[in-house]
N, C-alpha and C. Protein backbone atom coordinates (compact mmCIF):
# COMPACT_ATOMS: atom_id res chain seq x y z
N MET A 1 -165.02 -47.20 200.29
CA MET A 1 -164.22 -46.97 199.09
C MET A 1 -162.94 -47.80 199.10
N GLN A 2 -162.28 -47.79 200.24
CA GLN A 2 -161.03 -48.56 200.38
C GLN A 2 -161.30 -50.05 200.20
N LYS A 3 -162.40 -50.52 200.75
CA LYS A 3 -162.78 -51.93 200.64
C LYS A 3 -163.07 -52.27 199.19
N HIS A 4 -163.72 -51.35 198.47
CA HIS A 4 -164.06 -51.56 197.06
C HIS A 4 -162.77 -51.73 196.23
N LYS A 5 -161.77 -50.88 196.49
CA LYS A 5 -160.48 -51.00 195.77
C LYS A 5 -159.81 -52.33 196.07
N TYR A 6 -159.89 -52.76 197.31
CA TYR A 6 -159.28 -54.03 197.70
C TYR A 6 -159.92 -55.20 196.96
N VAL A 7 -161.26 -55.17 196.85
CA VAL A 7 -161.97 -56.23 196.14
C VAL A 7 -161.55 -56.26 194.67
N ILE A 8 -161.44 -55.08 194.04
CA ILE A 8 -161.01 -54.99 192.64
C ILE A 8 -159.60 -55.55 192.48
N PHE A 9 -158.71 -55.19 193.41
CA PHE A 9 -157.31 -55.65 193.34
C PHE A 9 -157.24 -57.17 193.43
N VAL A 10 -157.95 -57.75 194.40
CA VAL A 10 -157.94 -59.20 194.59
C VAL A 10 -158.51 -59.90 193.35
N THR A 11 -159.60 -59.35 192.80
CA THR A 11 -160.22 -59.94 191.61
C THR A 11 -159.26 -59.94 190.44
N LEU A 12 -158.59 -58.80 190.20
CA LEU A 12 -157.62 -58.70 189.11
C LEU A 12 -156.45 -59.64 189.31
N PHE A 13 -156.00 -59.77 190.56
CA PHE A 13 -154.89 -60.66 190.86
C PHE A 13 -155.22 -62.09 190.45
N PHE A 14 -156.40 -62.55 190.83
CA PHE A 14 -156.79 -63.93 190.50
C PHE A 14 -157.01 -64.12 189.01
N ILE A 15 -157.52 -63.08 188.33
CA ILE A 15 -157.68 -63.19 186.87
C ILE A 15 -156.33 -63.36 186.20
N PHE A 16 -155.36 -62.51 186.58
CA PHE A 16 -154.02 -62.62 185.99
C PHE A 16 -153.34 -63.92 186.37
N PHE A 17 -153.58 -64.38 187.59
CA PHE A 17 -153.01 -65.66 188.04
C PHE A 17 -153.53 -66.81 187.20
N LEU A 18 -154.86 -66.81 187.00
CA LEU A 18 -155.46 -67.89 186.21
C LEU A 18 -155.03 -67.83 184.76
N ILE A 19 -154.90 -66.63 184.20
CA ILE A 19 -154.42 -66.50 182.82
C ILE A 19 -153.00 -67.03 182.71
N GLY A 20 -152.16 -66.68 183.70
CA GLY A 20 -150.77 -67.15 183.69
C GLY A 20 -150.69 -68.65 183.75
N CYS A 21 -151.51 -69.28 184.60
CA CYS A 21 -151.51 -70.73 184.72
C CYS A 21 -151.99 -71.37 183.43
N GLU A 22 -153.01 -70.73 182.81
CA GLU A 22 -153.58 -71.28 181.60
C GLU A 22 -152.55 -71.30 180.48
N ASN A 23 -151.77 -70.21 180.39
CA ASN A 23 -150.76 -70.10 179.34
C ASN A 23 -149.64 -71.11 179.53
N ASN A 24 -149.45 -71.58 180.73
CA ASN A 24 -148.38 -72.54 180.99
C ASN A 24 -148.83 -73.98 180.81
N GLU A 25 -150.09 -74.18 180.45
CA GLU A 25 -150.59 -75.52 180.20
C GLU A 25 -150.46 -75.81 178.71
N PRO A 26 -149.72 -76.87 178.32
CA PRO A 26 -149.57 -77.15 176.89
C PRO A 26 -150.90 -77.51 176.24
N THR A 27 -151.07 -77.07 175.02
CA THR A 27 -152.28 -77.42 174.27
C THR A 27 -152.19 -78.88 173.81
N PRO A 28 -153.31 -79.48 173.43
CA PRO A 28 -153.25 -80.86 172.90
C PRO A 28 -152.30 -80.99 171.71
N GLU A 29 -152.28 -79.97 170.84
CA GLU A 29 -151.39 -80.00 169.68
C GLU A 29 -149.92 -79.97 170.11
N GLU A 30 -149.62 -79.11 171.09
CA GLU A 30 -148.25 -79.04 171.59
C GLU A 30 -147.85 -80.36 172.24
N LYS A 31 -148.75 -80.93 173.03
CA LYS A 31 -148.46 -82.22 173.68
C LYS A 31 -148.15 -83.29 172.65
N ALA A 32 -148.93 -83.33 171.58
CA ALA A 32 -148.73 -84.35 170.55
C ALA A 32 -147.37 -84.19 169.88
N GLN A 33 -146.99 -82.96 169.56
CA GLN A 33 -145.70 -82.72 168.91
C GLN A 33 -144.54 -83.02 169.85
N VAL A 34 -144.68 -82.59 171.10
CA VAL A 34 -143.63 -82.84 172.10
C VAL A 34 -143.48 -84.34 172.33
N ARG A 35 -144.61 -85.05 172.39
CA ARG A 35 -144.54 -86.49 172.61
C ARG A 35 -143.82 -87.20 171.47
N ALA A 36 -144.10 -86.80 170.23
CA ALA A 36 -143.45 -87.44 169.08
C ALA A 36 -141.93 -87.29 169.15
N ILE A 37 -141.47 -86.10 169.51
CA ILE A 37 -140.03 -85.86 169.62
C ILE A 37 -139.47 -86.60 170.84
N GLY A 38 -140.17 -86.51 171.96
CA GLY A 38 -139.71 -87.15 173.20
C GLY A 38 -139.68 -88.66 173.10
N ASP A 39 -140.70 -89.24 172.49
CA ASP A 39 -140.74 -90.70 172.32
C ASP A 39 -139.52 -91.18 171.53
N GLN A 40 -139.23 -90.49 170.45
CA GLN A 40 -138.11 -90.91 169.59
C GLN A 40 -136.78 -90.87 170.35
N ALA A 41 -136.51 -89.77 171.04
CA ALA A 41 -135.24 -89.63 171.76
C ALA A 41 -135.14 -90.60 172.93
N SER A 42 -136.21 -90.75 173.70
CA SER A 42 -136.16 -91.61 174.89
C SER A 42 -136.13 -93.09 174.52
N ASP A 43 -136.85 -93.47 173.45
CA ASP A 43 -136.85 -94.88 173.03
C ASP A 43 -135.48 -95.33 172.56
N VAL A 44 -134.79 -94.46 171.82
CA VAL A 44 -133.43 -94.79 171.38
C VAL A 44 -132.52 -95.00 172.59
N LEU A 45 -132.61 -94.11 173.56
CA LEU A 45 -131.78 -94.23 174.76
C LEU A 45 -132.10 -95.51 175.53
N LEU A 46 -133.38 -95.83 175.69
CA LEU A 46 -133.78 -97.02 176.44
C LEU A 46 -133.26 -98.29 175.79
N ARG A 47 -133.40 -98.38 174.47
CA ARG A 47 -132.94 -99.58 173.76
C ARG A 47 -131.44 -99.78 173.92
N LYS A 48 -130.68 -98.70 173.79
CA LYS A 48 -129.23 -98.80 173.90
C LYS A 48 -128.79 -99.11 175.33
N LEU A 49 -129.45 -98.49 176.30
CA LEU A 49 -129.12 -98.76 177.71
C LEU A 49 -129.37 -100.23 178.05
N LYS A 50 -130.51 -100.75 177.63
CA LYS A 50 -130.86 -102.13 177.92
C LYS A 50 -129.86 -103.09 177.27
N SER A 51 -129.51 -102.82 176.02
CA SER A 51 -128.56 -103.67 175.31
C SER A 51 -127.19 -103.67 175.97
N ARG A 52 -126.71 -102.49 176.34
CA ARG A 52 -125.38 -102.39 177.00
C ARG A 52 -125.40 -103.06 178.36
N LEU A 53 -126.48 -102.90 179.09
CA LEU A 53 -126.57 -103.49 180.43
C LEU A 53 -126.55 -105.01 180.36
N ILE A 54 -127.34 -105.58 179.47
CA ILE A 54 -127.36 -107.03 179.31
C ILE A 54 -125.99 -107.55 178.92
N SER A 55 -125.35 -106.87 177.98
CA SER A 55 -124.02 -107.27 177.52
C SER A 55 -123.00 -107.21 178.66
N ALA A 56 -123.04 -106.14 179.45
CA ALA A 56 -122.08 -105.96 180.54
C ALA A 56 -122.27 -107.01 181.62
N VAL A 57 -123.52 -107.34 181.97
CA VAL A 57 -123.79 -108.36 182.99
C VAL A 57 -123.33 -109.73 182.52
N GLN A 58 -123.58 -110.04 181.25
CA GLN A 58 -123.16 -111.33 180.70
C GLN A 58 -121.63 -111.45 180.69
N LYS A 59 -120.97 -110.35 180.42
CA LYS A 59 -119.50 -110.37 180.32
C LYS A 59 -118.82 -110.34 181.68
N SER A 60 -119.33 -109.54 182.61
CA SER A 60 -118.61 -109.29 183.86
C SER A 60 -119.38 -109.62 185.12
N GLY A 61 -120.66 -110.04 185.00
CA GLY A 61 -121.48 -110.25 186.18
C GLY A 61 -121.95 -108.91 186.72
N PRO A 62 -122.93 -108.92 187.63
CA PRO A 62 -123.49 -107.67 188.15
C PRO A 62 -122.45 -106.73 188.76
N ALA A 63 -121.56 -107.25 189.60
CA ALA A 63 -120.57 -106.40 190.26
C ALA A 63 -119.62 -105.77 189.25
N GLY A 64 -119.18 -106.57 188.29
CA GLY A 64 -118.26 -106.05 187.28
C GLY A 64 -118.91 -105.09 186.31
N ALA A 65 -120.21 -105.24 186.14
CA ALA A 65 -120.91 -104.40 185.17
C ALA A 65 -121.23 -103.02 185.71
N ILE A 66 -121.12 -102.82 187.01
CA ILE A 66 -121.50 -101.54 187.61
C ILE A 66 -120.69 -100.39 187.05
N ASN A 67 -119.38 -100.58 186.93
CA ASN A 67 -118.53 -99.51 186.42
C ASN A 67 -118.85 -99.20 184.97
N GLU A 68 -119.04 -100.27 184.16
CA GLU A 68 -119.40 -100.07 182.75
C GLU A 68 -120.74 -99.36 182.64
N CYS A 69 -121.66 -99.74 183.47
CA CYS A 69 -122.99 -99.13 183.46
C CYS A 69 -122.89 -97.64 183.78
N LYS A 70 -122.05 -97.32 184.74
CA LYS A 70 -121.88 -95.93 185.14
C LYS A 70 -121.38 -95.09 183.97
N LEU A 71 -120.37 -95.57 183.27
CA LEU A 71 -119.80 -94.82 182.15
C LEU A 71 -120.72 -94.83 180.94
N ASP A 72 -121.30 -96.00 180.63
CA ASP A 72 -122.15 -96.12 179.44
C ASP A 72 -123.42 -95.30 179.55
N ALA A 73 -124.02 -95.29 180.73
CA ALA A 73 -125.28 -94.57 180.89
C ALA A 73 -125.11 -93.08 180.59
N ILE A 74 -124.02 -92.51 181.09
CA ILE A 74 -123.75 -91.08 180.84
C ILE A 74 -123.46 -90.86 179.36
N LYS A 75 -122.63 -91.74 178.79
CA LYS A 75 -122.26 -91.60 177.38
C LYS A 75 -123.48 -91.73 176.47
N LEU A 76 -124.32 -92.73 176.73
CA LEU A 76 -125.49 -92.96 175.88
C LEU A 76 -126.52 -91.84 176.01
N THR A 77 -126.62 -91.25 177.19
CA THR A 77 -127.53 -90.12 177.38
C THR A 77 -127.07 -88.93 176.55
N HIS A 78 -125.76 -88.69 176.52
CA HIS A 78 -125.21 -87.62 175.68
C HIS A 78 -125.46 -87.92 174.20
N GLU A 79 -125.29 -89.19 173.81
CA GLU A 79 -125.52 -89.57 172.42
C GLU A 79 -126.97 -89.34 172.01
N ALA A 80 -127.90 -89.65 172.91
CA ALA A 80 -129.32 -89.43 172.62
C ALA A 80 -129.60 -87.95 172.38
N THR A 81 -128.90 -87.10 173.09
CA THR A 81 -129.03 -85.65 172.88
C THR A 81 -128.48 -85.26 171.52
N ASN A 82 -127.30 -85.76 171.20
CA ASN A 82 -126.62 -85.34 169.97
C ASN A 82 -127.21 -85.94 168.70
N ASN A 83 -127.84 -87.12 168.81
CA ASN A 83 -128.33 -87.82 167.63
C ASN A 83 -129.82 -87.59 167.33
N SER A 84 -130.48 -86.80 168.13
CA SER A 84 -131.89 -86.54 167.89
C SER A 84 -132.08 -85.74 166.60
N LYS A 85 -133.17 -86.01 165.89
CA LYS A 85 -133.47 -85.28 164.65
C LYS A 85 -133.77 -83.81 164.93
N VAL A 86 -134.31 -83.55 166.11
CA VAL A 86 -134.62 -82.19 166.55
C VAL A 86 -133.69 -81.87 167.71
N PRO A 87 -133.13 -80.64 167.79
CA PRO A 87 -132.26 -80.30 168.93
C PRO A 87 -132.99 -80.46 170.26
N VAL A 88 -132.46 -81.31 171.11
CA VAL A 88 -133.05 -81.58 172.42
C VAL A 88 -131.93 -81.71 173.46
N ALA A 89 -132.33 -81.76 174.71
CA ALA A 89 -131.41 -82.09 175.80
C ALA A 89 -132.04 -83.24 176.57
N VAL A 90 -131.33 -84.36 176.65
CA VAL A 90 -131.85 -85.56 177.29
C VAL A 90 -131.16 -85.77 178.63
N LYS A 91 -131.95 -86.15 179.63
CA LYS A 91 -131.40 -86.42 180.96
C LYS A 91 -132.26 -87.46 181.65
N ARG A 92 -131.65 -88.28 182.50
CA ARG A 92 -132.40 -89.20 183.35
C ARG A 92 -132.53 -88.55 184.73
N VAL A 93 -133.74 -88.58 185.30
CA VAL A 93 -133.97 -87.95 186.60
C VAL A 93 -134.72 -88.89 187.53
N THR A 94 -134.43 -88.80 188.81
CA THR A 94 -135.09 -89.61 189.82
C THR A 94 -134.89 -88.99 191.19
N ASN A 95 -135.85 -89.21 192.08
CA ASN A 95 -135.68 -88.75 193.47
C ASN A 95 -134.69 -89.62 194.23
N LYS A 96 -134.61 -90.90 193.84
CA LYS A 96 -133.70 -91.84 194.51
C LYS A 96 -132.52 -92.09 193.57
N TYR A 97 -131.66 -91.09 193.47
CA TYR A 97 -130.58 -91.17 192.50
C TYR A 97 -129.35 -91.89 193.08
N ARG A 98 -128.65 -92.49 192.16
CA ARG A 98 -127.37 -93.13 192.48
C ARG A 98 -126.24 -92.17 192.15
N ASN A 99 -126.29 -91.63 190.97
CA ASN A 99 -125.34 -90.62 190.53
C ASN A 99 -125.98 -89.24 190.73
N PRO A 100 -125.30 -88.33 191.43
CA PRO A 100 -125.89 -87.00 191.69
C PRO A 100 -126.27 -86.22 190.44
N ILE A 101 -125.68 -86.55 189.28
CA ILE A 101 -126.05 -85.81 188.06
C ILE A 101 -127.50 -86.10 187.65
N ASN A 102 -128.09 -87.15 188.22
CA ASN A 102 -129.48 -87.49 187.92
C ASN A 102 -130.46 -86.91 188.94
N ALA A 103 -129.96 -86.05 189.83
CA ALA A 103 -130.84 -85.43 190.82
C ALA A 103 -131.83 -84.49 190.12
N PRO A 104 -133.07 -84.42 190.58
CA PRO A 104 -134.09 -83.59 189.93
C PRO A 104 -134.02 -82.12 190.33
N ASP A 105 -134.44 -81.25 189.41
CA ASP A 105 -134.64 -79.85 189.77
C ASP A 105 -136.11 -79.66 190.16
N GLU A 106 -136.54 -78.43 190.38
CA GLU A 106 -137.91 -78.20 190.87
C GLU A 106 -138.97 -78.66 189.86
N TRP A 107 -138.72 -78.51 188.57
CA TRP A 107 -139.68 -78.94 187.55
C TRP A 107 -139.71 -80.47 187.46
N ASP A 108 -138.52 -81.07 187.56
CA ASP A 108 -138.46 -82.54 187.54
C ASP A 108 -139.25 -83.13 188.71
N LYS A 109 -139.13 -82.50 189.87
CA LYS A 109 -139.82 -83.01 191.06
C LYS A 109 -141.33 -83.02 190.86
N LYS A 110 -141.85 -82.01 190.17
CA LYS A 110 -143.28 -81.97 189.88
C LYS A 110 -143.67 -83.14 188.98
N ALA A 111 -142.84 -83.42 187.97
CA ALA A 111 -143.12 -84.52 187.05
C ALA A 111 -143.04 -85.86 187.78
N LEU A 112 -142.02 -86.04 188.61
CA LEU A 112 -141.86 -87.29 189.34
C LEU A 112 -143.03 -87.50 190.31
N THR A 113 -143.48 -86.43 190.94
CA THR A 113 -144.63 -86.51 191.84
C THR A 113 -145.89 -86.92 191.07
N PHE A 114 -146.04 -86.39 189.85
CA PHE A 114 -147.17 -86.77 189.01
C PHE A 114 -147.22 -88.28 188.81
N PHE A 115 -146.07 -88.89 188.48
CA PHE A 115 -146.03 -90.34 188.25
C PHE A 115 -146.19 -91.11 189.56
N GLU A 116 -145.55 -90.63 190.62
CA GLU A 116 -145.64 -91.33 191.91
C GLU A 116 -147.09 -91.38 192.40
N ASN A 117 -147.85 -90.33 192.13
CA ASN A 117 -149.25 -90.29 192.57
C ASN A 117 -150.13 -91.26 191.78
N LYS A 118 -149.61 -91.77 190.66
CA LYS A 118 -150.38 -92.71 189.84
C LYS A 118 -150.02 -94.17 190.15
N GLU A 119 -149.04 -94.37 191.03
CA GLU A 119 -148.54 -95.72 191.30
C GLU A 119 -149.63 -96.69 191.76
N GLY A 120 -150.53 -96.20 192.61
CA GLY A 120 -151.53 -97.10 193.18
C GLY A 120 -152.80 -97.21 192.36
N VAL A 121 -152.83 -96.57 191.20
CA VAL A 121 -154.03 -96.61 190.36
C VAL A 121 -154.03 -97.88 189.53
N ARG A 122 -154.97 -98.76 189.80
CA ARG A 122 -154.98 -100.07 189.15
C ARG A 122 -155.28 -99.94 187.65
N ASP A 123 -154.56 -100.73 186.86
CA ASP A 123 -154.76 -100.83 185.42
C ASP A 123 -154.50 -99.53 184.68
N TYR A 124 -153.82 -98.60 185.30
CA TYR A 124 -153.51 -97.36 184.59
C TYR A 124 -152.21 -96.77 185.10
N PHE A 125 -151.33 -96.48 184.17
CA PHE A 125 -150.13 -95.72 184.51
C PHE A 125 -149.79 -94.87 183.29
N PRO A 126 -149.61 -93.57 183.47
CA PRO A 126 -149.38 -92.69 182.32
C PRO A 126 -148.13 -93.06 181.54
N GLU A 127 -148.20 -92.95 180.22
CA GLU A 127 -147.07 -93.27 179.36
C GLU A 127 -146.09 -92.10 179.24
N PHE A 128 -146.56 -90.90 179.53
CA PHE A 128 -145.70 -89.73 179.41
C PHE A 128 -146.32 -88.56 180.18
N TYR A 129 -145.53 -87.51 180.30
CA TYR A 129 -146.00 -86.28 180.95
C TYR A 129 -145.30 -85.12 180.26
N VAL A 130 -146.02 -84.03 180.01
CA VAL A 130 -145.45 -82.88 179.32
C VAL A 130 -145.63 -81.62 180.15
N GLN A 131 -144.58 -80.83 180.25
CA GLN A 131 -144.63 -79.54 180.92
C GLN A 131 -144.35 -78.44 179.90
N LYS A 132 -144.98 -77.31 180.06
CA LYS A 132 -144.68 -76.11 179.28
C LYS A 132 -144.10 -75.09 180.26
N ILE A 133 -142.88 -74.68 180.01
CA ILE A 133 -142.17 -73.84 180.97
C ILE A 133 -141.77 -72.52 180.32
N GLN A 134 -142.10 -71.42 180.96
CA GLN A 134 -141.68 -70.11 180.48
C GLN A 134 -140.67 -69.53 181.45
N GLN A 135 -139.49 -69.23 180.93
CA GLN A 135 -138.44 -68.61 181.74
C GLN A 135 -138.00 -67.35 181.02
N ASP A 136 -138.23 -66.22 181.65
CA ASP A 136 -138.05 -64.91 181.01
C ASP A 136 -138.93 -64.87 179.76
N GLU A 137 -138.35 -64.66 178.60
CA GLU A 137 -139.15 -64.59 177.37
C GLU A 137 -139.17 -65.92 176.63
N ALA A 138 -138.38 -66.87 177.07
CA ALA A 138 -138.26 -68.14 176.34
C ALA A 138 -139.25 -69.17 176.86
N ILE A 139 -139.80 -69.94 175.92
CA ILE A 139 -140.71 -71.04 176.27
C ILE A 139 -140.08 -72.35 175.80
N HIS A 140 -140.08 -73.34 176.67
CA HIS A 140 -139.62 -74.66 176.27
C HIS A 140 -140.51 -75.71 176.92
N PHE A 141 -140.40 -76.92 176.41
CA PHE A 141 -141.22 -78.03 176.87
C PHE A 141 -140.33 -79.12 177.43
N ARG A 142 -140.88 -79.83 178.39
CA ARG A 142 -140.20 -81.02 178.92
C ARG A 142 -141.13 -82.22 178.78
N TYR A 143 -140.58 -83.24 178.14
CA TYR A 143 -141.28 -84.51 178.00
C TYR A 143 -140.65 -85.49 178.97
N TYR A 144 -141.48 -86.26 179.68
CA TYR A 144 -140.98 -87.25 180.63
C TYR A 144 -141.55 -88.63 180.29
N LYS A 145 -140.67 -89.60 180.14
CA LYS A 145 -141.09 -91.00 179.98
C LYS A 145 -140.77 -91.73 181.28
N PRO A 146 -141.78 -92.31 181.94
CA PRO A 146 -141.53 -92.98 183.22
C PRO A 146 -140.74 -94.27 183.04
N LEU A 147 -139.92 -94.58 184.02
CA LEU A 147 -139.13 -95.81 184.04
C LEU A 147 -139.57 -96.67 185.22
N LYS A 148 -139.74 -97.96 184.96
CA LYS A 148 -140.09 -98.89 186.04
C LYS A 148 -139.00 -99.95 186.17
N MET A 149 -138.97 -100.60 187.31
CA MET A 149 -137.93 -101.58 187.59
C MET A 149 -138.25 -102.93 186.94
N TYR A 150 -137.26 -103.43 186.17
CA TYR A 150 -137.35 -104.78 185.61
C TYR A 150 -136.62 -105.75 186.53
N GLN A 151 -136.87 -107.03 186.34
CA GLN A 151 -136.27 -108.05 187.20
C GLN A 151 -134.75 -107.96 187.21
N MET A 152 -134.14 -107.78 186.04
CA MET A 152 -132.67 -107.77 185.97
C MET A 152 -132.08 -106.55 186.69
N CYS A 153 -132.87 -105.48 186.82
CA CYS A 153 -132.38 -104.27 187.48
C CYS A 153 -132.21 -104.48 188.99
N LEU A 154 -132.95 -105.47 189.53
CA LEU A 154 -132.95 -105.66 190.98
C LEU A 154 -131.63 -106.20 191.51
N LYS A 155 -130.79 -106.72 190.63
CA LYS A 155 -129.47 -107.22 191.07
C LYS A 155 -128.65 -106.10 191.71
N CYS A 156 -128.88 -104.85 191.23
CA CYS A 156 -128.15 -103.71 191.76
C CYS A 156 -129.05 -102.67 192.43
N HIS A 157 -130.37 -102.84 192.31
CA HIS A 157 -131.30 -101.84 192.84
C HIS A 157 -132.34 -102.42 193.80
N GLY A 158 -132.31 -103.73 194.01
CA GLY A 158 -133.36 -104.36 194.79
C GLY A 158 -133.15 -104.37 196.28
N ASN A 159 -133.92 -105.22 196.96
CA ASN A 159 -133.82 -105.36 198.42
C ASN A 159 -132.75 -106.35 198.84
N LYS A 160 -132.48 -107.33 197.97
CA LYS A 160 -131.50 -108.37 198.29
C LYS A 160 -130.35 -108.30 197.31
N ILE A 161 -129.34 -107.54 197.67
CA ILE A 161 -128.18 -107.32 196.80
C ILE A 161 -127.01 -108.14 197.33
N LYS A 162 -126.34 -108.87 196.44
CA LYS A 162 -125.21 -109.69 196.85
C LYS A 162 -124.08 -108.83 197.38
N GLU A 163 -123.28 -109.45 198.27
CA GLU A 163 -122.26 -108.70 198.99
C GLU A 163 -121.24 -108.05 198.06
N ASP A 164 -120.79 -108.78 197.01
CA ASP A 164 -119.79 -108.19 196.10
C ASP A 164 -120.35 -107.00 195.34
N VAL A 165 -121.65 -107.06 195.04
CA VAL A 165 -122.30 -105.94 194.37
C VAL A 165 -122.42 -104.75 195.32
N ARG A 166 -122.81 -105.04 196.56
CA ARG A 166 -122.95 -103.97 197.55
C ARG A 166 -121.62 -103.27 197.82
N VAL A 167 -120.54 -104.05 197.91
CA VAL A 167 -119.21 -103.48 198.14
C VAL A 167 -118.83 -102.54 196.98
N ARG A 168 -119.08 -103.01 195.77
CA ARG A 168 -118.73 -102.19 194.59
C ARG A 168 -119.57 -100.92 194.54
N LEU A 169 -120.83 -101.02 194.88
CA LEU A 169 -121.69 -99.84 194.91
C LEU A 169 -121.21 -98.83 195.94
N ASN A 170 -120.81 -99.32 197.10
CA ASN A 170 -120.31 -98.42 198.15
C ASN A 170 -119.04 -97.70 197.74
N GLU A 171 -118.22 -98.39 196.92
CA GLU A 171 -116.98 -97.77 196.44
C GLU A 171 -117.27 -96.64 195.45
N LEU A 172 -118.19 -96.90 194.53
CA LEU A 172 -118.47 -95.93 193.46
C LEU A 172 -119.50 -94.88 193.85
N TYR A 173 -120.44 -95.28 194.71
CA TYR A 173 -121.54 -94.38 195.08
C TYR A 173 -121.76 -94.41 196.59
N PRO A 174 -120.91 -93.76 197.35
CA PRO A 174 -121.03 -93.80 198.82
C PRO A 174 -122.34 -93.21 199.34
N ASN A 175 -122.99 -92.36 198.56
CA ASN A 175 -124.25 -91.75 198.98
C ASN A 175 -125.43 -92.27 198.17
N ASP A 176 -125.34 -93.51 197.76
CA ASP A 176 -126.35 -94.15 196.91
C ASP A 176 -127.74 -94.14 197.56
N LEU A 177 -128.74 -93.70 196.79
CA LEU A 177 -130.14 -93.72 197.26
C LEU A 177 -130.99 -94.73 196.49
N ALA A 178 -130.37 -95.41 195.51
CA ALA A 178 -131.15 -96.16 194.51
C ALA A 178 -131.26 -97.65 194.79
N THR A 179 -131.59 -98.02 196.01
CA THR A 179 -131.81 -99.44 196.34
C THR A 179 -133.16 -99.58 197.04
N GLY A 180 -133.54 -100.84 197.28
CA GLY A 180 -134.79 -101.10 198.00
C GLY A 180 -136.00 -101.22 197.09
N TYR A 181 -135.77 -101.35 195.79
CA TYR A 181 -136.87 -101.45 194.84
C TYR A 181 -137.37 -102.89 194.72
N ALA A 182 -138.61 -103.00 194.26
CA ALA A 182 -139.20 -104.29 193.87
C ALA A 182 -139.56 -104.21 192.39
N LYS A 183 -139.77 -105.35 191.77
CA LYS A 183 -140.13 -105.38 190.36
C LYS A 183 -141.41 -104.57 190.12
N GLY A 184 -141.36 -103.71 189.09
CA GLY A 184 -142.52 -102.89 188.74
C GLY A 184 -142.59 -101.55 189.43
N ASP A 185 -141.70 -101.29 190.39
CA ASP A 185 -141.70 -100.00 191.08
C ASP A 185 -141.32 -98.88 190.12
N PHE A 186 -141.85 -97.70 190.37
CA PHE A 186 -141.48 -96.52 189.60
C PHE A 186 -140.06 -96.12 189.97
N ARG A 187 -139.21 -95.96 188.94
CA ARG A 187 -137.78 -95.70 189.17
C ARG A 187 -137.42 -94.23 188.98
N GLY A 188 -138.02 -93.61 187.98
CA GLY A 188 -137.67 -92.24 187.62
C GLY A 188 -138.17 -91.99 186.22
N ALA A 189 -137.50 -91.09 185.50
CA ALA A 189 -137.97 -90.76 184.15
C ALA A 189 -136.82 -90.32 183.27
N ILE A 190 -137.02 -90.50 181.97
CA ILE A 190 -136.15 -89.87 180.98
C ILE A 190 -136.79 -88.54 180.61
N ARG A 191 -136.01 -87.48 180.72
CA ARG A 191 -136.50 -86.14 180.41
C ARG A 191 -135.92 -85.67 179.08
N VAL A 192 -136.79 -85.15 178.23
CA VAL A 192 -136.35 -84.59 176.96
C VAL A 192 -136.80 -83.13 176.90
N ASP A 193 -135.82 -82.23 176.85
CA ASP A 193 -136.09 -80.79 176.82
C ASP A 193 -136.13 -80.30 175.38
N ILE A 194 -137.19 -79.58 175.02
CA ILE A 194 -137.38 -79.13 173.63
C ILE A 194 -137.78 -77.67 173.62
N ALA A 195 -137.05 -76.83 172.87
CA ALA A 195 -137.41 -75.43 172.76
C ALA A 195 -138.64 -75.27 171.87
N LYS A 196 -139.45 -74.25 172.16
CA LYS A 196 -140.72 -74.07 171.45
C LYS A 196 -140.52 -73.88 169.95
N GLU A 197 -139.41 -73.26 169.55
CA GLU A 197 -139.22 -72.99 168.12
C GLU A 197 -139.03 -74.25 167.28
N TYR A 198 -138.78 -75.37 167.95
CA TYR A 198 -138.60 -76.62 167.20
C TYR A 198 -139.90 -77.40 167.03
N LEU A 199 -141.00 -76.86 167.56
CA LEU A 199 -142.30 -77.44 167.25
C LEU A 199 -142.78 -76.86 165.93
N GLN A 200 -143.53 -77.63 165.17
CA GLN A 200 -144.00 -77.17 163.86
C GLN A 200 -145.19 -76.22 164.01
């Protein structure tokens, strides 16, 4: 009798566990809506970041542009949050962060691991990743757009960094983790947080 109750308990536990996991998986419709919002917010941020970075390097060189990049990246990320058509929260996340404000939380780490596991897959790299997160009674979604290293990024993030750039990085980011990259390496992601009520 005792064994029978134990079997019933274990069976019910797994049923509820599977139901809980199922509910946390976004539907295709939810993914499509989240992607549309996430693409818009992240694309605006990427375009502005690239434009500011090119302008700063041309004006001040890589070493001189580091400080501008530091301030502009934070400012433009806030602007992407405030200027979105739908209320969102935008953040850049990476495991190898330069600025600690870009450090990942537990959900971000799962997303970053998802992209990292796709690095060696030839001819395929995911364009985005969506999470459905339930915290207490609230449900929200996280959209992630992966970032890869471009050639111009290697001046401050690569394996061969000039001495004046390295000195400036050490001054501003003494605990810098964001070097040693090669062109095409996975860098991190832009995260766009969207509450469920803003989906149609």
